Amino acid sequence: KNISTTEKGKKYFLENINKISIPTDDLSLKIDKIKMYLG
């Protein structure tokens, strides 16, 4: 219950969001939704 991201988590997110690789063969139909959730 009541999960919040810490400053360390925010920093990790910002440092790694552009490094992410989506396996397109498995998730090709969901890429737009994944992008939406990742912002």
All heavy atoms as atom14 arrays in JSON, in Angstrom:
{
  "sequence": "KNISTTEKGKKYFLENINKISIPTDDLSLKIDKIKMYLG",
  "atom14_mask": [
    [1, 1, 1, 1, 1, 1, 1, 1, 1, 0, 0, 0, 0, 0],
    [1, 1, 1, 1, 1, 1, 1, 1, 0, 0, 0, 0, 0, 0],
    [1, 1, 1, 1, 1, 1, 1, 1, 0, 0, 0, 0, 0, 0],
    [1, 1, 1, 1, 1, 1, 0, 0, 0, 0, 0, 0, 0, 0],
    [1, 1, 1, 1, 1, 1, 1, 0, 0, 0, 0, 0, 0, 0],
    [1, 1, 1, 1, 1, 1, 1, 0, 0, 0, 0, 0, 0, 0],
    [1, 1, 1, 1, 1, 1, 1, 1, 1, 0, 0, 0, 0, 0],
    [1, 1, 1, 1, 1, 1, 1, 1, 1, 0, 0, 0, 0, 0],
    [1, 1, 1, 1, 0, 0, 0, 0, 0, 0, 0, 0, 0, 0],
    [1, 1, 1, 1, 1, 1, 1, 1, 1, 0, 0, 0, 0, 0],
    [1, 1, 1, 1, 1, 1, 1, 1, 1, 0, 0, 0, 0, 0],
    [1, 1, 1, 1, 1, 1, 1, 1, 1, 1, 1, 1, 0, 0],
    [1, 1, 1, 1, 1, 1, 1, 1, 1, 1, 1, 0, 0, 0],
    [1, 1, 1, 1, 1, 1, 1, 1, 0, 0, 0, 0, 0, 0],
    [1, 1, 1, 1, 1, 1, 1, 1, 1, 0, 0, 0, 0, 0],
    [1, 1, 1, 1, 1, 1, 1, 1, 0, 0, 0, 0, 0, 0],
    [1, 1, 1, 1, 1, 1, 1, 1, 0, 0, 0, 0, 0, 0],
    [1, 1, 1, 1, 1, 1, 1, 1, 0, 0, 0, 0, 0, 0],
    [1, 1, 1, 1, 1, 1, 1, 1, 1, 0, 0, 0, 0, 0],
    [1, 1, 1, 1, 1, 1, 1, 1, 0, 0, 0, 0, 0, 0],
    [1, 1, 1, 1, 1, 1, 0, 0, 0, 0, 0, 0, 0, 0],
    [1, 1, 1, 1, 1, 1, 1, 1, 0, 0, 0, 0, 0, 0],
    [1, 1, 1, 1, 1, 1, 1, 0, 0, 0, 0, 0, 0, 0],
    [1, 1, 1, 1, 1, 1, 1, 0, 0, 0, 0, 0, 0, 0],
    [1, 1, 1, 1, 1, 1, 1, 1, 0, 0, 0, 0, 0, 0],
    [1, 1, 1, 1, 1, 1, 1, 1, 0, 0, 0, 0, 0, 0],
    [1, 1, 1, 1, 1, 1, 1, 1, 0, 0, 0, 0, 0, 0],
    [1, 1, 1, 1, 1, 1, 0, 0, 0, 0, 0, 0, 0, 0],
    [1, 1, 1, 1, 1, 1, 1, 1, 0, 0, 0, 0, 0, 0],
    [1, 1, 1, 1, 1, 1, 1, 1, 1, 0, 0, 0, 0, 0],
    [1, 1, 1, 1, 1, 1, 1, 1, 0, 0, 0, 0, 0, 0],
    [1, 1, 1, 1, 1, 1, 1, 1, 0, 0, 0, 0, 0, 0],
    [1, 1, 1, 1, 1, 1, 1, 1, 1, 0, 0, 0, 0, 0],
    [1, 1, 1, 1, 1, 1, 1, 1, 0, 0, 0, 0, 0, 0],
    [1, 1, 1, 1, 1, 1, 1, 1, 1, 0, 0, 0, 0, 0],
    [1, 1, 1, 1, 1, 1, 1, 1, 0, 0, 0, 0, 0, 0],
    [1, 1, 1, 1, 1, 1, 1, 1, 1, 1, 1, 1, 0, 0],
    [1, 1, 1, 1, 1, 1, 1, 1, 0, 0, 0, 0, 0, 0],
    [1, 1, 1, 1, 0, 0, 0, 0, 0, 0, 0, 0, 0, 0]
  ],
  "atom14_positions": [
    [[0.83, -1.2, 0.0], [0.0, 0.0, 0.0], [0.86, 1.26, 0.0], [1.96, 1.28, 0.54], [-0.99, 0.01, 1.17], [-0.39, -0.18, 2.53], [-1.49, -0.27, 3.59], [-0.91, -0.77, 4.9], [-1.92, -0.9, 5.92], [0.0, 0.0, 0.0], [0.0, 0.0, 0.0], [0.0, 0.0, 0.0], [0.0, 0.0, 0.0], [0.0, 0.0, 0.0]],
    [[0.34, 2.27, -0.66], [0.93, 3.6, -0.72], [2.42, 3.56, -1.1], [3.29, 3.9, -0.32], [0.72, 4.34, 0.6], [-0.75, 4.56, 0.87], [-1.53, 4.8, -0.05], [-1.16, 4.45, 2.11], [0.0, 0.0, 0.0], [0.0, 0.0, 0.0], [0.0, 0.0, 0.0], [0.0, 0.0, 0.0], [0.0, 0.0, 0.0], [0.0, 0.0, 0.0]],
    [[2.67, 3.19, -2.34], [4.03, 3.07, -2.86], [4.45, 4.41, -3.47], [3.71, 4.98, -4.27], [4.13, 1.96, -3.92], [3.68, 0.61, -3.34], [5.55, 1.83, -4.45], [2.35, 0.2, -3.83], [0.0, 0.0, 0.0], [0.0, 0.0, 0.0], [0.0, 0.0, 0.0], [0.0, 0.0, 0.0], [0.0, 0.0, 0.0], [0.0, 0.0, 0.0]],
    [[5.62, 4.89, -3.08], [6.17, 6.14, -3.61], [7.6, 5.91, -4.05], [8.33, 5.14, -3.45], [6.18, 7.23, -2.54], [4.88, 7.54, -2.11], [0.0, 0.0, 0.0], [0.0, 0.0, 0.0], [0.0, 0.0, 0.0], [0.0, 0.0, 0.0], [0.0, 0.0, 0.0], [0.0, 0.0, 0.0], [0.0, 0.0, 0.0], [0.0, 0.0, 0.0]],
    [[7.99, 6.61, -5.09], [9.36, 6.55, -5.57], [10.22, 7.52, -4.78], [9.83, 8.66, -4.53], [9.41, 6.91, -7.07], [8.59, 5.99, -7.78], [10.82, 6.85, -7.63], [0.0, 0.0, 0.0], [0.0, 0.0, 0.0], [0.0, 0.0, 0.0], [0.0, 0.0, 0.0], [0.0, 0.0, 0.0], [0.0, 0.0, 0.0], [0.0, 0.0, 0.0]],
    [[11.4, 7.06, -4.38], [12.35, 7.9, -3.65], [13.16, 8.73, -4.64], [13.08, 8.52, -5.85], [13.32, 7.03, -2.83], [14.1, 6.23, -3.74], [12.58, 6.13, -1.85], [0.0, 0.0, 0.0], [0.0, 0.0, 0.0], [0.0, 0.0, 0.0], [0.0, 0.0, 0.0], [0.0, 0.0, 0.0], [0.0, 0.0, 0.0], [0.0, 0.0, 0.0]],
    [[13.96, 9.63, -4.12], [14.84, 10.42, -4.98], [15.82, 9.5, -5.73], [16.11, 9.73, -6.89], [15.62, 11.46, -4.17], [14.76, 12.63, -3.71], [14.11, 13.37, -4.87], [14.77, 13.63, -5.89], [12.91, 13.69, -4.75], [0.0, 0.0, 0.0], [0.0, 0.0, 0.0], [0.0, 0.0, 0.0], [0.0, 0.0, 0.0], [0.0, 0.0, 0.0]],
    [[16.3, 8.45, -5.06], [17.19, 7.49, -5.71], [16.47, 6.8, -6.87], [17.03, 6.59, -7.93], [17.68, 6.46, -4.7], [18.64, 5.45, -5.3], [19.15, 4.47, -4.26], [20.1, 3.47, -4.9], [20.62, 2.5, -3.92], [0.0, 0.0, 0.0], [0.0, 0.0, 0.0], [0.0, 0.0, 0.0], [0.0, 0.0, 0.0], [0.0, 0.0, 0.0]],
    [[15.18, 6.47, -6.66], [14.39, 5.84, -7.71], [14.15, 6.79, -8.89], [14.21, 6.38, -10.05], [0.0, 0.0, 0.0], [0.0, 0.0, 0.0], [0.0, 0.0, 0.0], [0.0, 0.0, 0.0], [0.0, 0.0, 0.0], [0.0, 0.0, 0.0], [0.0, 0.0, 0.0], [0.0, 0.0, 0.0], [0.0, 0.0, 0.0], [0.0, 0.0, 0.0]],
    [[13.89, 8.06, -8.59], [13.72, 9.06, -9.66], [14.99, 9.18, -10.48], [14.94, 9.22, -11.71], [13.35, 10.42, -9.06], [11.96, 10.5, -8.5], [11.71, 11.87, -7.9], [10.42, 11.9, -7.12], [10.18, 13.19, -6.48], [0.0, 0.0, 0.0], [0.0, 0.0, 0.0], [0.0, 0.0, 0.0], [0.0, 0.0, 0.0], [0.0, 0.0, 0.0]],
    [[16.12, 9.24, -9.78], [17.4, 9.37, -10.47], [17.65, 8.14, -11.35], [18.06, 8.27, -12.5], [18.52, 9.52, -9.45], [19.87, 9.7, -10.06], [20.95, 9.89, -8.99], [22.3, 10.0, -9.67], [23.39, 10.09, -8.71], [0.0, 0.0, 0.0], [0.0, 0.0, 0.0], [0.0, 0.0, 0.0], [0.0, 0.0, 0.0], [0.0, 0.0, 0.0]],
    [[17.38, 6.95, -10.82], [17.56, 5.72, -11.59], [16.68, 5.74, -12.85], [17.13, 5.4, -13.93], [17.22, 4.51, -10.72], [17.37, 3.2, -11.45], [18.59, 2.55, -11.5], [16.29, 2.61, -12.11], [18.75, 1.35, -12.18], [16.42, 1.42, -12.8], [17.65, 0.79, -12.82], [17.79, -0.39, -13.51], [0.0, 0.0, 0.0], [0.0, 0.0, 0.0]],
    [[15.42, 6.15, -12.67], [14.5, 6.22, -13.8], [15.06, 7.15, -14.88], [15.14, 6.79, -16.05], [13.12, 6.7, -13.35], [12.17, 6.91, -14.49], [11.45, 5.85, -15.01], [12.01, 8.16, -15.06], [10.59, 6.03, -16.08], [11.15, 8.36, -16.13], [10.44, 7.29, -16.64], [0.0, 0.0, 0.0], [0.0, 0.0, 0.0], [0.0, 0.0, 0.0]],
    [[15.44, 8.35, -14.48], [15.92, 9.34, -15.45], [17.21, 8.9, -16.14], [17.4, 9.19, -17.32], [16.11, 10.69, -14.75], [14.8, 11.35, -14.27], [15.1, 12.57, -13.42], [13.88, 11.68, -15.43], [0.0, 0.0, 0.0], [0.0, 0.0, 0.0], [0.0, 0.0, 0.0], [0.0, 0.0, 0.0], [0.0, 0.0, 0.0], [0.0, 0.0, 0.0]],
    [[18.06, 8.19, -15.41], [19.32, 7.72, -16.0], [19.13, 6.53, -16.94], [19.96, 6.3, -17.82], [20.3, 7.32, -14.9], [20.86, 8.51, -14.13], [21.72, 8.1, -12.95], [21.79, 6.89, -12.61], [22.32, 9.01, -12.34], [0.0, 0.0, 0.0], [0.0, 0.0, 0.0], [0.0, 0.0, 0.0], [0.0, 0.0, 0.0], [0.0, 0.0, 0.0]],
    [[18.04, 5.78, -16.76], [17.88, 4.54, -17.51], [16.75, 4.53, -18.53], [16.67, 3.61, -19.35], [17.7, 3.37, -16.54], [18.99, 3.07, -15.82], [19.88, 2.45, -16.37], [19.1, 3.54, -14.59], [0.0, 0.0, 0.0], [0.0, 0.0, 0.0], [0.0, 0.0, 0.0], [0.0, 0.0, 0.0], [0.0, 0.0, 0.0], [0.0, 0.0, 0.0]],
    [[15.9, 5.53, -18.52], [14.74, 5.51, -19.42], [15.15, 5.5, -20.88], [14.52, 4.83, -21.71], [13.76, 6.67, -19.11], [12.48, 6.51, -19.91], [14.4, 8.02, -19.38], [11.71, 5.25, -19.61], [0.0, 0.0, 0.0], [0.0, 0.0, 0.0], [0.0, 0.0, 0.0], [0.0, 0.0, 0.0], [0.0, 0.0, 0.0], [0.0, 0.0, 0.0]],
    [[16.22, 6.18, -21.23], [16.64, 6.22, -22.63], [17.48, 5.01, -23.03], [17.83, 4.88, -24.2], [17.39, 7.51, -22.92], [16.46, 8.7, -22.84], [15.33, 8.64, -23.31], [16.93, 9.78, -22.23], [0.0, 0.0, 0.0], [0.0, 0.0, 0.0], [0.0, 0.0, 0.0], [0.0, 0.0, 0.0], [0.0, 0.0, 0.0], [0.0, 0.0, 0.0]],
    [[17.8, 4.15, -22.09], [18.59, 2.95, -22.37], [17.69, 1.73, -22.58], [18.19, 0.67, -22.94], [19.54, 2.66, -21.21], [20.55, 3.75, -20.95], [21.37, 3.42, -19.73], [22.26, 4.59, -19.33], [22.97, 4.31, -18.06], [0.0, 0.0, 0.0], [0.0, 0.0, 0.0], [0.0, 0.0, 0.0], [0.0, 0.0, 0.0], [0.0, 0.0, 0.0]],
    [[16.41, 1.88, -22.34], [15.49, 0.74, -22.37], [15.34, 0.21, -23.8], [15.33, 0.96, -24.76], [14.12, 1.12, -21.76], [13.32, -0.1, -21.4], [13.32, 2.01, -22.68], [13.85, -0.84, -20.24], [0.0, 0.0, 0.0], [0.0, 0.0, 0.0], [0.0, 0.0, 0.0], [0.0, 0.0, 0.0], [0.0, 0.0, 0.0], [0.0, 0.0, 0.0]],
    [[15.22, -1.09, -23.88], [15.01, -1.76, -25.16], [13.78, -2.65, -25.03], [13.73, -3.52, -24.16], [16.25, -2.59, -25.51], [16.0, -3.37, -26.65], [0.0, 0.0, 0.0], [0.0, 0.0, 0.0], [0.0, 0.0, 0.0], [0.0, 0.0, 0.0], [0.0, 0.0, 0.0], [0.0, 0.0, 0.0], [0.0, 0.0, 0.0], [0.0, 0.0, 0.0]],
    [[12.8, -2.42, -25.89], [11.57, -3.22, -25.84], [11.7, -4.36, -26.84], [11.94, -4.12, -28.02], [10.34, -2.36, -26.19], [10.18, -1.23, -25.17], [9.08, -3.21, -26.25], [9.1, -0.24, -25.48], [0.0, 0.0, 0.0], [0.0, 0.0, 0.0], [0.0, 0.0, 0.0], [0.0, 0.0, 0.0], [0.0, 0.0, 0.0], [0.0, 0.0, 0.0]],
    [[11.55, -5.6, -26.36], [11.61, -6.75, -27.29], [10.39, -6.72, -28.21], [9.3, -7.14, -27.84], [11.63, -7.97, -26.37], [11.12, -7.5, -25.05], [11.35, -6.01, -24.99], [0.0, 0.0, 0.0], [0.0, 0.0, 0.0], [0.0, 0.0, 0.0], [0.0, 0.0, 0.0], [0.0, 0.0, 0.0], [0.0, 0.0, 0.0], [0.0, 0.0, 0.0]],
    [[10.56, -6.19, -29.41], [9.44, -5.93, -30.3], [8.73, -7.18, -30.79], [7.55, -7.13, -31.09], [9.88, -5.09, -31.51], [10.95, -5.76, -32.16], [10.3, -3.7, -31.08], [0.0, 0.0, 0.0], [0.0, 0.0, 0.0], [0.0, 0.0, 0.0], [0.0, 0.0, 0.0], [0.0, 0.0, 0.0], [0.0, 0.0, 0.0], [0.0, 0.0, 0.0]],
    [[9.42, -8.3, -30.87], [8.74, -9.49, -31.36], [7.67, -9.96, -30.39], [6.68, -10.55, -30.79], [9.73, -10.62, -31.66], [10.67, -10.93, -30.52], [10.95, -10.03, -29.71], [11.12, -12.09, -30.45], [0.0, 0.0, 0.0], [0.0, 0.0, 0.0], [0.0, 0.0, 0.0], [0.0, 0.0, 0.0], [0.0, 0.0, 0.0], [0.0, 0.0, 0.0]],
    [[7.84, -9.7, -29.1], [6.85, -10.12, -28.11], [5.84, -9.02, -27.78], [4.7, -9.3, -27.44], [7.54, -10.52, -26.8], [8.37, -11.77, -26.96], [7.98, -12.63, -27.76], [9.41, -11.88, -26.29], [0.0, 0.0, 0.0], [0.0, 0.0, 0.0], [0.0, 0.0, 0.0], [0.0, 0.0, 0.0], [0.0, 0.0, 0.0], [0.0, 0.0, 0.0]],
    [[6.26, -7.77, -27.87], [5.42, -6.67, -27.4], [5.08, -5.66, -28.48], [4.7, -4.54, -28.17], [6.14, -5.96, -26.24], [6.41, -6.82, -25.01], [7.27, -6.06, -24.02], [5.12, -7.27, -24.37], [0.0, 0.0, 0.0], [0.0, 0.0, 0.0], [0.0, 0.0, 0.0], [0.0, 0.0, 0.0], [0.0, 0.0, 0.0], [0.0, 0.0, 0.0]],
    [[5.18, -6.04, -29.74], [4.99, -5.08, -30.83], [3.62, -4.4, -30.78], [3.51, -3.22, -31.1], [5.21, -5.75, -32.18], [4.27, -6.79, -32.37], [0.0, 0.0, 0.0], [0.0, 0.0, 0.0], [0.0, 0.0, 0.0], [0.0, 0.0, 0.0], [0.0, 0.0, 0.0], [0.0, 0.0, 0.0], [0.0, 0.0, 0.0], [0.0, 0.0, 0.0]],
    [[2.61, -5.12, -30.37], [1.27, -4.53, -30.31], [1.07, -3.64, -29.1], [0.09, -2.9, -29.03], [0.21, -5.64, -30.33], [0.2, -6.53, -31.57], [-0.83, -7.64, -31.41], [-0.07, -5.72, -32.82], [0.0, 0.0, 0.0], [0.0, 0.0, 0.0], [0.0, 0.0, 0.0], [0.0, 0.0, 0.0], [0.0, 0.0, 0.0], [0.0, 0.0, 0.0]],
    [[1.98, -3.69, -28.16], [1.83, -2.95, -26.9], [2.82, -1.79, -26.77], [2.85, -1.12, -25.75], [2.03, -3.89, -25.71], [1.15, -5.11, -25.71], [-0.29, -4.75, -25.52], [-1.15, -6.02, -25.48], [-2.53, -5.74, -25.25], [0.0, 0.0, 0.0], [0.0, 0.0, 0.0], [0.0, 0.0, 0.0], [0.0, 0.0, 0.0], [0.0, 0.0, 0.0]],
    [[3.62, -1.53, -27.8], [4.67, -0.51, -27.7], [4.09, 0.86, -27.35], [4.63, 1.56, -26.5], [5.52, -0.45, -28.99], [6.4, -1.7, -29.05], [6.37, 0.81, -29.03], [7.24, -1.81, -30.29], [0.0, 0.0, 0.0], [0.0, 0.0, 0.0], [0.0, 0.0, 0.0], [0.0, 0.0, 0.0], [0.0, 0.0, 0.0], [0.0, 0.0, 0.0]],
    [[2.99, 1.25, -27.96], [2.41, 2.56, -27.67], [1.97, 2.67, -26.21], [2.16, 3.71, -25.58], [1.24, 2.86, -28.6], [1.69, 3.14, -30.03], [2.87, 3.51, -30.22], [0.88, 2.96, -30.95], [0.0, 0.0, 0.0], [0.0, 0.0, 0.0], [0.0, 0.0, 0.0], [0.0, 0.0, 0.0], [0.0, 0.0, 0.0], [0.0, 0.0, 0.0]],
    [[1.39, 1.6, -25.68], [0.98, 1.62, -24.27], [2.19, 1.66, -23.35], [2.18, 2.36, -22.34], [0.11, 0.41, -23.95], [-1.29, 0.51, -24.51], [-2.14, -0.65, -24.06], [-3.54, -0.51, -24.64], [-4.43, -1.56, -24.19], [0.0, 0.0, 0.0], [0.0, 0.0, 0.0], [0.0, 0.0, 0.0], [0.0, 0.0, 0.0], [0.0, 0.0, 0.0]],
    [[3.22, 0.9, -23.67], [4.43, 0.91, -22.86], [5.03, 2.31, -22.85], [5.39, 2.83, -21.79], [5.45, -0.13, -23.37], [4.93, -1.54, -23.11], [6.81, 0.08, -22.72], [5.72, -2.64, -23.79], [0.0, 0.0, 0.0], [0.0, 0.0, 0.0], [0.0, 0.0, 0.0], [0.0, 0.0, 0.0], [0.0, 0.0, 0.0], [0.0, 0.0, 0.0]],
    [[5.12, 2.94, -24.01], [5.63, 4.31, -24.1], [4.79, 5.25, -23.25], [5.32, 6.15, -22.57], [5.65, 4.77, -25.54], [6.71, 4.12, -26.39], [6.62, 4.65, -27.81], [7.61, 4.0, -28.74], [7.51, 4.54, -30.11], [0.0, 0.0, 0.0], [0.0, 0.0, 0.0], [0.0, 0.0, 0.0], [0.0, 0.0, 0.0], [0.0, 0.0, 0.0]],
    [[3.47, 5.08, -23.29], [2.59, 5.94, -22.5], [2.89, 5.79, -21.01], [3.04, 6.79, -20.29], [1.12, 5.58, -22.77], [0.14, 6.38, -21.93], [-1.55, 5.76, -22.06], [-1.43, 4.2, -21.2], [0.0, 0.0, 0.0], [0.0, 0.0, 0.0], [0.0, 0.0, 0.0], [0.0, 0.0, 0.0], [0.0, 0.0, 0.0], [0.0, 0.0, 0.0]],
    [[2.99, 4.55, -20.52], [3.27, 4.33, -19.11], [4.66, 4.81, -18.7], [4.87, 5.22, -17.57], [3.08, 2.85, -18.74], [1.64, 2.44, -18.71], [1.17, 1.45, -19.55], [0.73, 3.04, -17.85], [-0.16, 1.06, -19.53], [-0.6, 2.68, -17.82], [-1.04, 1.68, -18.67], [-2.36, 1.31, -18.65], [0.0, 0.0, 0.0], [0.0, 0.0, 0.0]],
    [[5.61, 4.77, -19.63], [6.95, 5.24, -19.35], [7.09, 6.74, -19.56], [8.09, 7.33, -19.15], [7.98, 4.49, -20.22], [8.19, 3.02, -19.88], [9.06, 2.36, -20.91], [8.77, 2.85, -18.49], [0.0, 0.0, 0.0], [0.0, 0.0, 0.0], [0.0, 0.0, 0.0], [0.0, 0.0, 0.0], [0.0, 0.0, 0.0], [0.0, 0.0, 0.0]],
    [[6.1, 7.35, -20.2], [6.14, 8.8, -20.41], [7.12, 9.23, -21.48], [7.72, 10.29, -21.37], [0.0, 0.0, 0.0], [0.0, 0.0, 0.0], [0.0, 0.0, 0.0], [0.0, 0.0, 0.0], [0.0, 0.0, 0.0], [0.0, 0.0, 0.0], [0.0, 0.0, 0.0], [0.0, 0.0, 0.0], [0.0, 0.0, 0.0], [0.0, 0.0, 0.0]]
  ]
}
